[in-house]
Amino acid sequence: MLAKISDEGVKANRVFSNLNNLLADIAKLSLCIIGLKACSGMYYWVRKFGKFGHNLMTDSLTKTVAICIATVLYFLTADR
């Protein structure tokens, strides 16, 4: 599952992607921060997603969720 939150923090959508389409779906995204759960395939995906220029954050699921929440709060409160 991919969860995307706009830089305004207003819109959020979830895209369910299978492995066959995952790289194509990530390639379509504008540059963003991607949080990945630590797992055996994580480094593979870090290399693949990194080729598209995305910033990648990896850690445990709990920390990944916290990173996503902090990122959303930053965008909601940042002066623009």
N, C-alpha and C. Protein backbone atom coordinates (compact mmCIF):
# COMPACT_ATOMS: atom_id res chain seq x y z
N MET A 1 0.84 -1.18 0.00
CA MET A 1 0.00 0.00 0.00
C MET A 1 0.88 1.23 0.00
N LEU A 2 0.53 2.19 -0.80
CA LEU A 2 1.19 3.49 -0.83
C LEU A 2 0.21 4.50 -0.25
N ALA A 3 0.68 5.31 0.67
CA ALA A 3 -0.15 6.39 1.21
C ALA A 3 0.53 7.69 0.84
N LYS A 4 -0.21 8.60 0.24
CA LYS A 4 0.37 9.86 -0.22
C LYS A 4 -0.39 11.01 0.42
N ILE A 5 0.37 11.96 0.93
CA ILE A 5 -0.21 13.17 1.50
C ILE A 5 0.40 14.34 0.75
N SER A 6 -0.43 15.24 0.30
CA SER A 6 0.07 16.38 -0.48
C SER A 6 0.90 17.30 0.40
N ASP A 7 1.69 18.16 -0.24
CA ASP A 7 2.52 19.07 0.53
C ASP A 7 1.70 20.08 1.32
N GLU A 8 0.44 20.28 0.94
CA GLU A 8 -0.44 21.13 1.73
C GLU A 8 -1.01 20.37 2.92
N GLY A 9 -0.85 19.06 2.94
CA GLY A 9 -1.35 18.25 4.03
C GLY A 9 -2.86 18.08 3.99
N VAL A 10 -3.49 18.48 2.92
CA VAL A 10 -4.95 18.45 2.85
C VAL A 10 -5.45 17.14 2.28
N LYS A 11 -4.94 16.78 1.13
CA LYS A 11 -5.42 15.57 0.47
C LYS A 11 -4.58 14.37 0.89
N ALA A 12 -5.22 13.28 1.09
CA ALA A 12 -4.50 12.04 1.36
C ALA A 12 -5.18 10.95 0.55
N ASN A 13 -4.40 10.13 -0.07
CA ASN A 13 -5.00 9.01 -0.77
C ASN A 13 -4.12 7.78 -0.61
N ARG A 14 -4.73 6.65 -0.75
CA ARG A 14 -4.01 5.39 -0.65
C ARG A 14 -4.12 4.67 -1.97
N VAL A 15 -3.02 4.14 -2.40
CA VAL A 15 -2.99 3.37 -3.64
C VAL A 15 -2.50 1.99 -3.31
N PHE A 16 -3.28 1.00 -3.66
CA PHE A 16 -2.86 -0.37 -3.45
C PHE A 16 -2.19 -0.85 -4.72
N SER A 17 -0.95 -1.23 -4.57
CA SER A 17 -0.15 -1.60 -5.73
C SER A 17 0.41 -3.00 -5.52
N ASN A 18 0.48 -3.76 -6.58
CA ASN A 18 1.14 -5.06 -6.46
C ASN A 18 2.59 -4.90 -6.90
N LEU A 19 3.39 -5.91 -6.64
CA LEU A 19 4.82 -5.80 -6.94
C LEU A 19 5.09 -5.57 -8.41
N ASN A 20 4.23 -6.06 -9.28
CA ASN A 20 4.44 -5.86 -10.72
C ASN A 20 4.33 -4.40 -11.12
N ASN A 21 3.52 -3.64 -10.41
CA ASN A 21 3.27 -2.23 -10.75
C ASN A 21 3.96 -1.25 -9.81
N LEU A 22 4.57 -1.75 -8.75
CA LEU A 22 5.09 -0.85 -7.72
C LEU A 22 6.11 0.14 -8.25
N LEU A 23 7.10 -0.31 -8.98
CA LEU A 23 8.11 0.61 -9.51
C LEU A 23 7.50 1.64 -10.44
N ALA A 24 6.57 1.23 -11.27
CA ALA A 24 5.91 2.18 -12.17
C ALA A 24 5.12 3.22 -11.38
N ASP A 25 4.46 2.79 -10.30
CA ASP A 25 3.70 3.72 -9.47
C ASP A 25 4.62 4.71 -8.76
N ILE A 26 5.75 4.23 -8.25
CA ILE A 26 6.71 5.11 -7.57
C ILE A 26 7.32 6.08 -8.57
N ALA A 27 7.59 5.62 -9.79
CA ALA A 27 8.19 6.48 -10.81
C ALA A 27 7.27 7.64 -11.18
N LYS A 28 5.96 7.46 -11.06
CA LYS A 28 5.00 8.51 -11.40
C LYS A 28 4.91 9.61 -10.34
N LEU A 29 5.37 9.33 -9.13
CA LEU A 29 5.26 10.30 -8.04
C LEU A 29 6.23 11.45 -8.24
N SER A 30 5.80 12.64 -7.86
CA SER A 30 6.76 13.74 -7.81
C SER A 30 7.71 13.43 -6.65
N LEU A 31 8.87 14.08 -6.65
CA LEU A 31 9.87 13.78 -5.62
C LEU A 31 9.25 13.91 -4.23
N CYS A 32 9.54 12.93 -3.40
CA CYS A 32 8.92 12.90 -2.07
C CYS A 32 9.80 12.12 -1.10
N ILE A 33 9.35 12.06 0.12
CA ILE A 33 9.99 11.25 1.15
C ILE A 33 9.25 9.93 1.21
N ILE A 34 9.99 8.84 1.15
CA ILE A 34 9.38 7.51 1.24
C ILE A 34 9.90 6.84 2.49
N GLY A 35 8.99 6.41 3.34
CA GLY A 35 9.35 5.66 4.54
C GLY A 35 9.17 4.18 4.27
N LEU A 36 10.18 3.41 4.60
CA LEU A 36 10.13 1.96 4.38
C LEU A 36 10.32 1.22 5.69
N LYS A 37 9.53 0.21 5.87
CA LYS A 37 9.67 -0.67 7.04
C LYS A 37 10.92 -1.53 6.85
N ALA A 38 11.66 -1.69 7.93
CA ALA A 38 12.85 -2.54 7.88
C ALA A 38 12.44 -3.99 7.66
N CYS A 39 12.97 -4.58 6.61
CA CYS A 39 12.69 -5.98 6.30
C CYS A 39 13.82 -6.50 5.41
N SER A 40 13.75 -7.76 5.06
CA SER A 40 14.84 -8.35 4.28
C SER A 40 14.96 -7.74 2.88
N GLY A 41 13.88 -7.25 2.31
CA GLY A 41 13.92 -6.66 0.97
C GLY A 41 14.10 -5.16 0.94
N MET A 42 14.25 -4.56 2.11
CA MET A 42 14.30 -3.10 2.20
C MET A 42 15.41 -2.50 1.35
N TYR A 43 16.61 -3.05 1.40
CA TYR A 43 17.73 -2.46 0.67
C TYR A 43 17.54 -2.55 -0.84
N TYR A 44 16.87 -3.59 -1.28
CA TYR A 44 16.53 -3.71 -2.70
C TYR A 44 15.65 -2.53 -3.12
N TRP A 45 14.60 -2.28 -2.33
CA TRP A 45 13.67 -1.20 -2.67
C TRP A 45 14.31 0.16 -2.52
N VAL A 46 15.20 0.32 -1.53
CA VAL A 46 15.91 1.59 -1.36
C VAL A 46 16.69 1.92 -2.64
N ARG A 47 17.39 0.93 -3.19
CA ARG A 47 18.15 1.17 -4.44
C ARG A 47 17.21 1.50 -5.59
N LYS A 48 16.12 0.77 -5.72
CA LYS A 48 15.19 0.99 -6.84
C LYS A 48 14.52 2.36 -6.74
N PHE A 49 13.97 2.68 -5.56
CA PHE A 49 13.26 3.95 -5.39
C PHE A 49 14.23 5.13 -5.45
N GLY A 50 15.44 4.94 -4.97
CA GLY A 50 16.44 6.00 -4.98
C GLY A 50 16.81 6.43 -6.39
N LYS A 51 16.70 5.53 -7.35
CA LYS A 51 17.01 5.87 -8.75
C LYS A 51 16.06 6.94 -9.29
N PHE A 52 14.89 7.06 -8.67
CA PHE A 52 13.91 8.07 -9.11
C PHE A 52 14.13 9.41 -8.41
N GLY A 53 15.10 9.49 -7.49
CA GLY A 53 15.42 10.74 -6.81
C GLY A 53 14.67 10.97 -5.51
N HIS A 54 13.90 10.01 -5.05
CA HIS A 54 13.15 10.18 -3.81
C HIS A 54 14.08 10.11 -2.60
N ASN A 55 13.71 10.80 -1.53
CA ASN A 55 14.41 10.67 -0.25
C ASN A 55 13.83 9.48 0.47
N LEU A 56 14.69 8.63 1.00
CA LEU A 56 14.22 7.40 1.63
C LEU A 56 14.59 7.37 3.10
N MET A 57 13.62 6.97 3.91
CA MET A 57 13.84 6.80 5.34
C MET A 57 13.48 5.36 5.68
N THR A 58 14.38 4.68 6.36
CA THR A 58 14.13 3.29 6.71
C THR A 58 14.25 3.10 8.21
N ASP A 59 13.39 2.31 8.75
CA ASP A 59 13.43 1.99 10.17
C ASP A 59 12.31 1.01 10.47
N SER A 60 12.08 0.80 11.74
CA SER A 60 11.00 -0.10 12.12
C SER A 60 9.65 0.52 11.76
N LEU A 61 8.62 -0.28 11.74
CA LEU A 61 7.29 0.21 11.37
C LEU A 61 6.84 1.34 12.28
N THR A 62 7.07 1.22 13.57
CA THR A 62 6.65 2.25 14.51
C THR A 62 7.34 3.57 14.21
N LYS A 63 8.64 3.51 13.96
CA LYS A 63 9.37 4.75 13.67
C LYS A 63 8.98 5.30 12.31
N THR A 64 8.68 4.44 11.36
CA THR A 64 8.25 4.91 10.04
C THR A 64 6.94 5.66 10.15
N VAL A 65 6.00 5.15 10.94
CA VAL A 65 4.73 5.84 11.15
C VAL A 65 4.98 7.19 11.82
N ALA A 66 5.87 7.22 12.81
CA ALA A 66 6.18 8.47 13.50
C ALA A 66 6.80 9.48 12.54
N ILE A 67 7.67 9.01 11.65
CA ILE A 67 8.29 9.90 10.66
C ILE A 67 7.22 10.48 9.74
N CYS A 68 6.28 9.65 9.30
CA CYS A 68 5.20 10.13 8.42
C CYS A 68 4.35 11.18 9.13
N ILE A 69 4.00 10.92 10.38
CA ILE A 69 3.18 11.88 11.14
C ILE A 69 3.94 13.19 11.32
N ALA A 70 5.23 13.11 11.66
CA ALA A 70 6.03 14.31 11.85
C ALA A 70 6.14 15.10 10.55
N THR A 71 6.28 14.41 9.43
CA THR A 71 6.37 15.08 8.14
C THR A 71 5.08 15.82 7.83
N VAL A 72 3.95 15.17 8.07
CA VAL A 72 2.65 15.81 7.83
C VAL A 72 2.50 17.03 8.72
N LEU A 73 2.83 16.91 10.00
CA LEU A 73 2.72 18.04 10.90
C LEU A 73 3.62 19.19 10.49
N TYR A 74 4.80 18.87 10.00
CA TYR A 74 5.70 19.90 9.52
C TYR A 74 5.06 20.69 8.38
N PHE A 75 4.49 19.95 7.41
CA PHE A 75 3.90 20.62 6.26
C PHE A 75 2.64 21.40 6.65
N LEU A 76 1.93 20.94 7.65
CA LEU A 76 0.73 21.65 8.09
C LEU A 76 1.07 22.94 8.83
N THR A 77 2.22 22.96 9.49
CA THR A 77 2.55 24.12 10.33
C THR A 77 3.62 25.01 9.74
N ALA A 78 4.26 24.59 8.65
CA ALA A 78 5.35 25.39 8.07
C ALA A 78 4.82 26.68 7.47
N ASP A 79 5.56 27.74 7.66
CA ASP A 79 5.20 29.02 7.02
C ASP A 79 5.54 28.94 5.55
N ARG A 80 4.61 29.29 4.71
CA ARG A 80 4.83 29.24 3.26
C ARG A 80 4.52 30.57 2.66
